[in-house]
Amino acid sequence: MKIIYFLVSILALASSLAFAYDPSPLQDFCVAIKDPKDGVFVNGKFCKDPALVKAEDFFEHVEAGNASNALGSQVTPVTVDQLFGLNTLGISLARVDFAPKGLNPPHIHPRGTEILIVLEGTLYVGFVTSNQDNNRLFTKVLNKGDVFVFPIGLIHFQLNVGYGNAVAIAGLSSQNPGVITVANALFKSDPLISDEVLTKAFQVDKSIIDYLQKQSWYDNN
């Protein structure tokens, strides 16, 4: 009988450890402080008094985005920053409008998996796996009604390969998934990443890095 109690205790301990976890971060970083009076509330937002909540807190109207820009696309996010009712619910979405040949450039959502459905047009989409998986590229041409998933934290893109405009809706598994546009992060950081780092990383001449850093990178997010 003692052996049975011992085994049950071990299983209970293992179960509690298996279900223990830290909440997913909802911002890029959160530096700890010793005195809370010097801090701010993060990883979500302060909650409204439930007695004061209205239907409008869960409502947001989304207009078509203006894709008349260098990329030919416009992302219109609906995260907790736009729709306060999303707070603590772990979801958000974005509307993506594409001009003909428009591109939603390679980017990363550090805190959310994305599922995308095409409402109009034809998109060439894809993502690249991690170094551990040898950076494999998965691509697909999507037409109206097609759905594709981009796993959390992986570089992905969408390109309008049709002759007309295209529209897609992306659902994301975080109220604040974040976005890192690869070109902007590498060549328009503040301050700029040193030429020594980038020339060695890309194995190109300094003049190429200088040229890229001088470009007016457009961020459509």
C-alpha atoms as a PDB file:
ATOM      1  CA  MET A   1       0.000   0.000   0.000  1.00  0.00           C
ATOM      2  CA  LYS A   2       2.871   2.391   0.822  1.00  0.00           C
ATOM      3  CA  ILE A   3       4.298   1.767  -2.649  1.00  0.00           C
ATOM      4  CA  ILE A   4       0.952   2.744  -4.208  1.00  0.00           C
ATOM      5  CA  TYR A   5       0.817   5.964  -2.165  1.00  0.00           C
ATOM      6  CA  PHE A   6       4.385   6.731  -3.201  1.00  0.00           C
ATOM      7  CA  LEU A   7       3.595   6.215  -6.884  1.00  0.00           C
ATOM      8  CA  VAL A   8       0.471   8.365  -6.650  1.00  0.00           C
ATOM      9  CA  SER A   9       2.509  11.130  -5.002  1.00  0.00           C
ATOM     10  CA  ILE A  10       5.124  10.990  -7.762  1.00  0.00           C
ATOM     11  CA  LEU A  11       2.441  11.128 -10.453  1.00  0.00           C
ATOM     12  CA  ALA A  12       0.750  14.069  -8.761  1.00  0.00           C
ATOM     13  CA  LEU A  13       4.036  15.948  -8.568  1.00  0.00           C
ATOM     14  CA  ALA A  14       4.824  15.215 -12.203  1.00  0.00           C
ATOM     15  CA  SER A  15       1.352  16.373 -13.218  1.00  0.00           C
ATOM     16  CA  SER A  16       1.686  19.658 -11.352  1.00  0.00           C
ATOM     17  CA  LEU A  17       5.051  20.304 -12.986  1.00  0.00           C
ATOM     18  CA  ALA A  18       3.690  19.471 -16.426  1.00  0.00           C
ATOM     19  CA  PHE A  19       0.866  21.994 -16.122  1.00  0.00           C
ATOM     20  CA  ALA A  20       2.973  24.756 -14.565  1.00  0.00           C
ATOM     21  CA  TYR A  21       4.026  27.441 -17.046  1.00  0.00           C
ATOM     22  CA  ASP A  22       4.862  31.101 -17.393  1.00  0.00           C
ATOM     23  CA  PRO A  23       2.386  33.281 -19.317  1.00  0.00           C
ATOM     24  CA  SER A  24       3.477  34.150 -22.840  1.00  0.00           C
ATOM     25  CA  PRO A  25       5.044  37.627 -23.051  1.00  0.00           C
ATOM     26  CA  LEU A  26       2.916  40.287 -24.711  1.00  0.00           C
ATOM     27  CA  GLN A  27       5.734  42.758 -25.339  1.00  0.00           C
ATOM     28  CA  ASP A  28       9.331  42.641 -26.551  1.00  0.00           C
ATOM     29  CA  PHE A  29      10.857  42.745 -23.055  1.00  0.00           C
ATOM     30  CA  CYS A  30       9.995  43.297 -19.402  1.00  0.00           C
ATOM     31  CA  VAL A  31      12.944  44.265 -17.198  1.00  0.00           C
ATOM     32  CA  ALA A  32      12.421  43.335 -13.546  1.00  0.00           C
ATOM     33  CA  ILE A  33      12.550  45.974 -10.803  1.00  0.00           C
ATOM     34  CA  LYS A  34      12.818  45.665  -7.036  1.00  0.00           C
ATOM     35  CA  ASP A  35      10.390  48.475  -6.138  1.00  0.00           C
ATOM     36  CA  PRO A  36       6.936  48.223  -7.810  1.00  0.00           C
ATOM     37  CA  LYS A  37       6.299  51.960  -7.406  1.00  0.00           C
ATOM     38  CA  ASP A  38       8.852  52.532 -10.152  1.00  0.00           C
ATOM     39  CA  GLY A  39       7.204  50.061 -12.502  1.00  0.00           C
ATOM     40  CA  VAL A  40       4.369  49.884 -15.005  1.00  0.00           C
ATOM     41  CA  PHE A  41       1.737  47.227 -15.684  1.00  0.00           C
ATOM     42  CA  VAL A  42       2.573  45.079 -18.722  1.00  0.00           C
ATOM     43  CA  ASN A  43       1.653  41.746 -20.302  1.00  0.00           C
ATOM     44  CA  GLY A  44      -1.833  42.915 -21.015  1.00  0.00           C
ATOM     45  CA  LYS A  45      -3.673  46.033 -20.031  1.00  0.00           C
ATOM     46  CA  PHE A  46      -5.520  47.179 -16.916  1.00  0.00           C
ATOM     47  CA  CYS A  47      -9.059  45.792 -16.885  1.00  0.00           C
ATOM     48  CA  LYS A  48     -12.126  48.001 -17.081  1.00  0.00           C
ATOM     49  CA  ASP A  49     -14.705  47.728 -14.320  1.00  0.00           C
ATOM     50  CA  PRO A  50     -17.062  44.974 -15.607  1.00  0.00           C
ATOM     51  CA  ALA A  51     -20.056  47.095 -14.618  1.00  0.00           C
ATOM     52  CA  LEU A  52     -18.910  49.764 -17.091  1.00  0.00           C
ATOM     53  CA  VAL A  53     -18.279  47.434 -20.046  1.00  0.00           C
ATOM     54  CA  LYS A  54     -20.355  48.142 -23.168  1.00  0.00           C
ATOM     55  CA  ALA A  55     -20.916  46.362 -26.477  1.00  0.00           C
ATOM     56  CA  GLU A  56     -18.699  48.976 -28.149  1.00  0.00           C
ATOM     57  CA  ASP A  57     -15.737  47.627 -26.165  1.00  0.00           C
ATOM     58  CA  PHE A  58     -15.931  44.492 -28.319  1.00  0.00           C
ATOM     59  CA  PHE A  59     -16.531  46.245 -31.656  1.00  0.00           C
ATOM     60  CA  GLU A  60     -14.213  47.658 -34.325  1.00  0.00           C
ATOM     61  CA  HIS A  61     -14.907  48.642 -37.946  1.00  0.00           C
ATOM     62  CA  VAL A  62     -12.117  47.912 -40.437  1.00  0.00           C
ATOM     63  CA  GLU A  63     -11.847  49.840 -43.694  1.00  0.00           C
ATOM     64  CA  ALA A  64      -9.943  48.671 -46.765  1.00  0.00           C
ATOM     65  CA  GLY A  65      -6.270  49.606 -46.535  1.00  0.00           C
ATOM     66  CA  ASN A  66      -4.538  51.938 -48.983  1.00  0.00           C
ATOM     67  CA  ALA A  67      -2.052  49.771 -50.887  1.00  0.00           C
ATOM     68  CA  SER A  68      -0.706  52.684 -52.958  1.00  0.00           C
ATOM     69  CA  ASN A  69       2.811  52.547 -51.551  1.00  0.00           C
ATOM     70  CA  ALA A  70       6.249  51.162 -52.379  1.00  0.00           C
ATOM     71  CA  LEU A  71       5.280  47.639 -51.335  1.00  0.00           C
ATOM     72  CA  GLY A  72       1.833  47.634 -52.868  1.00  0.00           C
ATOM     73  CA  SER A  73       0.221  46.354 -49.701  1.00  0.00           C
ATOM     74  CA  GLN A  74      -1.286  47.611 -46.460  1.00  0.00           C
ATOM     75  CA  VAL A  75      -1.804  45.737 -43.217  1.00  0.00           C
ATOM     76  CA  THR A  76      -4.629  46.949 -40.967  1.00  0.00           C
ATOM     77  CA  PRO A  77      -4.191  45.325 -37.522  1.00  0.00           C
ATOM     78  CA  VAL A  78      -6.945  44.670 -35.008  1.00  0.00           C
ATOM     79  CA  THR A  79      -5.005  43.878 -31.841  1.00  0.00           C
ATOM     80  CA  VAL A  80      -5.673  44.833 -28.253  1.00  0.00           C
ATOM     81  CA  ASP A  81      -4.310  48.300 -29.071  1.00  0.00           C
ATOM     82  CA  GLN A  82      -7.219  48.884 -31.463  1.00  0.00           C
ATOM     83  CA  LEU A  83      -9.916  46.703 -29.856  1.00  0.00           C
ATOM     84  CA  PHE A  84      -9.714  46.803 -26.059  1.00  0.00           C
ATOM     85  CA  GLY A  85     -12.162  43.913 -25.677  1.00  0.00           C
ATOM     86  CA  LEU A  86      -9.414  41.567 -26.902  1.00  0.00           C
ATOM     87  CA  ASN A  87      -7.515  41.991 -23.630  1.00  0.00           C
ATOM     88  CA  THR A  88      -6.723  38.566 -22.061  1.00  0.00           C
ATOM     89  CA  LEU A  89      -8.485  36.666 -24.882  1.00  0.00           C
ATOM     90  CA  GLY A  90      -5.319  35.606 -26.725  1.00  0.00           C
ATOM     91  CA  ILE A  91      -6.483  36.394 -30.276  1.00  0.00           C
ATOM     92  CA  SER A  92      -6.321  39.199 -32.827  1.00  0.00           C
ATOM     93  CA  LEU A  93      -6.544  39.661 -36.565  1.00  0.00           C
ATOM     94  CA  ALA A  94      -5.372  41.811 -39.455  1.00  0.00           C
ATOM     95  CA  ARG A  95      -6.772  42.745 -42.844  1.00  0.00           C
ATOM     96  CA  VAL A  96      -4.195  42.761 -45.639  1.00  0.00           C
ATOM     97  CA  ASP A  97      -4.909  44.651 -48.872  1.00  0.00           C
ATOM     98  CA  PHE A  98      -2.750  44.114 -51.954  1.00  0.00           C
ATOM     99  CA  ALA A  99      -2.398  46.107 -55.144  1.00  0.00           C
ATOM    100  CA  PRO A 100      -1.489  44.079 -58.257  1.00  0.00           C
ATOM    101  CA  LYS A 101       1.962  42.524 -57.606  1.00  0.00           C
ATOM    102  CA  GLY A 102       1.864  43.907 -54.074  1.00  0.00           C
ATOM    103  CA  LEU A 103       4.006  42.297 -51.375  1.00  0.00           C
ATOM    104  CA  ASN A 104       3.623  41.843 -47.646  1.00  0.00           C
ATOM    105  CA  PRO A 105       7.385  41.505 -47.142  1.00  0.00           C
ATOM    106  CA  PRO A 106       9.223  38.853 -45.128  1.00  0.00           C
ATOM    107  CA  HIS A 107       8.373  39.376 -41.478  1.00  0.00           C
ATOM    108  CA  ILE A 108       7.986  37.591 -38.147  1.00  0.00           C
ATOM    109  CA  HIS A 109       5.297  37.534 -35.483  1.00  0.00           C
ATOM    110  CA  PRO A 110       7.306  36.787 -32.317  1.00  0.00           C
ATOM    111  CA  ARG A 111       4.252  36.052 -30.185  1.00  0.00           C
ATOM    112  CA  GLY A 112       1.657  34.513 -32.478  1.00  0.00           C
ATOM    113  CA  THR A 113       0.855  31.842 -35.039  1.00  0.00           C
ATOM    114  CA  GLU A 114      -0.970  33.236 -38.083  1.00  0.00           C
ATOM    115  CA  ILE A 115      -3.783  31.632 -40.071  1.00  0.00           C
ATOM    116  CA  LEU A 116      -4.653  33.435 -43.304  1.00  0.00           C
ATOM    117  CA  ILE A 117      -7.687  33.178 -45.578  1.00  0.00           C
ATOM    118  CA  VAL A 118      -7.857  34.783 -49.011  1.00  0.00           C
ATOM    119  CA  LEU A 119     -11.055  36.751 -49.626  1.00  0.00           C
ATOM    120  CA  GLU A 120     -10.195  38.026 -53.106  1.00  0.00           C
ATOM    121  CA  GLY A 121      -7.376  37.467 -55.587  1.00  0.00           C
ATOM    122  CA  THR A 122      -4.432  35.096 -55.803  1.00  0.00           C
ATOM    123  CA  LEU A 123      -1.504  35.085 -53.374  1.00  0.00           C
ATOM    124  CA  TYR A 124       1.842  33.308 -53.410  1.00  0.00           C
ATOM    125  CA  VAL A 125       2.674  32.700 -49.735  1.00  0.00           C
ATOM    126  CA  GLY A 126       5.377  30.927 -47.801  1.00  0.00           C
ATOM    127  CA  PHE A 127       7.436  30.564 -44.660  1.00  0.00           C
ATOM    128  CA  VAL A 128      10.974  29.424 -43.815  1.00  0.00           C
ATOM    129  CA  THR A 129      11.684  26.967 -41.018  1.00  0.00           C
ATOM    130  CA  SER A 130      14.379  27.414 -38.365  1.00  0.00           C
ATOM    131  CA  ASN A 131      18.072  26.544 -38.671  1.00  0.00           C
ATOM    132  CA  GLN A 132      17.326  23.341 -36.765  1.00  0.00           C
ATOM    133  CA  ASP A 133      15.120  22.284 -39.695  1.00  0.00           C
ATOM    134  CA  ASN A 134      17.660  23.456 -42.318  1.00  0.00           C
ATOM    135  CA  ASN A 135      15.671  26.567 -43.258  1.00  0.00           C
ATOM    136  CA  ARG A 136      13.228  24.726 -45.486  1.00  0.00           C
ATOM    137  CA  LEU A 137      10.876  26.894 -47.550  1.00  0.00           C
ATOM    138  CA  PHE A 138       7.176  25.981 -47.675  1.00  0.00           C
ATOM    139  CA  THR A 139       5.150  27.822 -50.333  1.00  0.00           C
ATOM    140  CA  LYS A 140       1.674  27.675 -51.817  1.00  0.00           C
ATOM    141  CA  VAL A 141      -0.408  29.626 -54.321  1.00  0.00           C
ATOM    142  CA  LEU A 142      -3.705  30.548 -52.662  1.00  0.00           C
ATOM    143  CA  ASN A 143      -6.943  31.488 -54.339  1.00  0.00           C
ATOM    144  CA  LYS A 144     -10.205  32.841 -52.948  1.00  0.00           C
ATOM    145  CA  GLY A 145     -11.318  30.720 -50.006  1.00  0.00           C
ATOM    146  CA  ASP A 146      -7.928  29.069 -49.459  1.00  0.00           C
ATOM    147  CA  VAL A 147      -6.375  28.986 -45.984  1.00  0.00           C
ATOM    148  CA  PHE A 148      -2.700  28.773 -44.966  1.00  0.00           C
ATOM    149  CA  VAL A 149      -0.947  28.684 -41.579  1.00  0.00           C
ATOM    150  CA  PHE A 150       2.327  30.407 -40.639  1.00  0.00           C
ATOM    151  CA  PRO A 151       3.828  28.913 -37.437  1.00  0.00           C
ATOM    152  CA  ILE A 152       4.791  31.272 -34.622  1.00  0.00           C
ATOM    153  CA  GLY A 153       8.160  33.005 -34.894  1.00  0.00           C
ATOM    154  CA  LEU A 154       8.984  31.948 -38.482  1.00  0.00           C
ATOM    155  CA  ILE A 155       9.762  34.329 -41.341  1.00  0.00           C
ATOM    156  CA  HIS A 156       6.868  34.457 -43.811  1.00  0.00           C
ATOM    157  CA  PHE A 157       5.499  36.555 -46.680  1.00  0.00           C
ATOM    158  CA  GLN A 158       2.587  37.028 -49.085  1.00  0.00           C
ATOM    159  CA  LEU A 159       2.817  38.211 -52.704  1.00  0.00           C
ATOM    160  CA  ASN A 160      -0.102  39.112 -54.963  1.00  0.00           C
ATOM    161  CA  VAL A 161       0.547  37.152 -58.163  1.00  0.00           C
ATOM    162  CA  GLY A 162      -2.810  37.992 -59.728  1.00  0.00           C
ATOM    163  CA  TYR A 163      -3.627  40.823 -62.118  1.00  0.00           C
ATOM    164  CA  GLY A 164      -6.120  42.539 -59.838  1.00  0.00           C
ATOM    165  CA  ASN A 165      -6.303  43.575 -56.206  1.00  0.00           C
ATOM    166  CA  ALA A 166      -6.248  40.953 -53.454  1.00  0.00           C
ATOM    167  CA  VAL A 167      -7.597  40.895 -49.899  1.00  0.00           C
ATOM    168  CA  ALA A 168      -6.816  38.497 -47.049  1.00  0.00           C
ATOM    169  CA  ILE A 169      -7.726  38.209 -43.390  1.00  0.00           C
ATOM    170  CA  ALA A 170      -5.118  36.918 -40.923  1.00  0.00           C
ATOM    171  CA  GLY A 171      -6.051  35.508 -37.521  1.00  0.00           C
ATOM    172  CA  LEU A 172      -3.312  35.506 -34.874  1.00  0.00           C
ATOM    173  CA  SER A 173      -2.980  33.545 -31.643  1.00  0.00           C
ATOM    174  CA  SER A 174      -2.130  36.519 -29.442  1.00  0.00           C
ATOM    175  CA  GLN A 175      -3.833  39.748 -28.474  1.00  0.00           C
ATOM    176  CA  ASN A 176      -0.501  41.427 -29.294  1.00  0.00           C
ATOM    177  CA  PRO A 177       1.455  39.172 -31.697  1.00  0.00           C
ATOM    178  CA  GLY A 178       4.026  41.813 -32.627  1.00  0.00           C
ATOM    179  CA  VAL A 179       5.669  42.151 -36.029  1.00  0.00           C
ATOM    180  CA  ILE A 180       9.304  42.349 -37.115  1.00  0.00           C
ATOM    181  CA  THR A 181       9.813  43.309 -40.770  1.00  0.00           C
ATOM    182  CA  VAL A 182      13.149  41.692 -41.632  1.00  0.00           C
ATOM    183  CA  ALA A 183      14.519  44.409 -43.936  1.00  0.00           C
ATOM    184  CA  ASN A 184      13.578  47.210 -41.532  1.00  0.00           C
ATOM    185  CA  ALA A 185      15.089  45.434 -38.536  1.00  0.00           C
ATOM    186  CA  LEU A 186      18.385  44.770 -40.292  1.00  0.00           C
ATOM    187  CA  PHE A 187      18.897  47.979 -42.266  1.00  0.00           C
ATOM    188  CA  LYS A 188      16.883  50.627 -40.427  1.00  0.00           C
ATOM    189  CA  SER A 189      17.530  49.815 -36.765  1.00  0.00           C
ATOM    190  CA  ASP A 190      18.080  52.733 -34.379  1.00  0.00           C
ATOM    191  CA  PRO A 191      21.016  53.110 -34.127  1.00  0.00           C
ATOM    192  CA  LEU A 192      22.135  51.280 -37.257  1.00  0.00           C
ATOM    193  CA  ILE A 193      23.786  47.878 -36.949  1.00  0.00           C
ATOM    194  CA  SER A 194      27.482  48.338 -37.717  1.00  0.00           C
ATOM    195  CA  ASP A 195      28.786  47.673 -41.233  1.00  0.00           C
ATOM    196  CA  GLU A 196      31.296  45.247 -39.764  1.00  0.00           C
ATOM    197  CA  VAL A 197      28.500  43.035 -38.478  1.00  0.00           C
ATOM    198  CA  LEU A 198      26.349  43.170 -41.610  1.00  0.00           C
ATOM    199  CA  THR A 199      29.148  42.784 -44.160  1.00  0.00           C
ATOM    200  CA  LYS A 200      30.380  39.661 -42.400  1.00  0.00           C
ATOM    201  CA  ALA A 201      26.859  38.297 -41.867  1.00  0.00           C
ATOM    202  CA  PHE A 202      25.857  38.697 -45.519  1.00  0.00           C
ATOM    203  CA  GLN A 203      29.392  38.268 -46.919  1.00  0.00           C
ATOM    204  CA  VAL A 204      29.076  41.309 -49.174  1.00  0.00           C
ATOM    205  CA  ASP A 205      31.020  44.530 -49.695  1.00  0.00           C
ATOM    206  CA  LYS A 206      30.479  47.483 -47.345  1.00  0.00           C
ATOM    207  CA  SER A 207      29.138  49.585 -50.222  1.00  0.00           C
ATOM    208  CA  ILE A 208      26.177  47.225 -50.579  1.00  0.00           C
ATOM    209  CA  ILE A 209      25.325  47.502 -46.888  1.00  0.00           C
ATOM    210  CA  ASP A 210      25.643  51.286 -47.036  1.00  0.00           C
ATOM    211  CA  TYR A 211      23.321  51.348 -50.043  1.00  0.00           C
ATOM    212  CA  LEU A 212      20.712  49.216 -48.284  1.00  0.00           C
ATOM    213  CA  GLN A 213      20.860  51.331 -45.130  1.00  0.00           C
ATOM    214  CA  LYS A 214      20.180  54.483 -47.176  1.00  0.00           C
ATOM    215  CA  GLN A 215      17.007  53.113 -48.726  1.00  0.00           C
ATOM    216  CA  SER A 216      13.619  54.369 -47.575  1.00  0.00           C
ATOM    217  CA  TRP A 217      12.244  51.087 -46.315  1.00  0.00           C
ATOM    218  CA  TYR A 218       8.464  51.263 -46.166  1.00  0.00           C
ATOM    219  CA  ASP A 219       6.775  49.568 -43.234  1.00  0.00           C
ATOM    220  CA  ASN A 220       3.144  48.726 -44.005  1.00  0.00           C
ATOM    221  CA  ASN A 221       2.341  47.347 -40.542  1.00  0.00           C
END
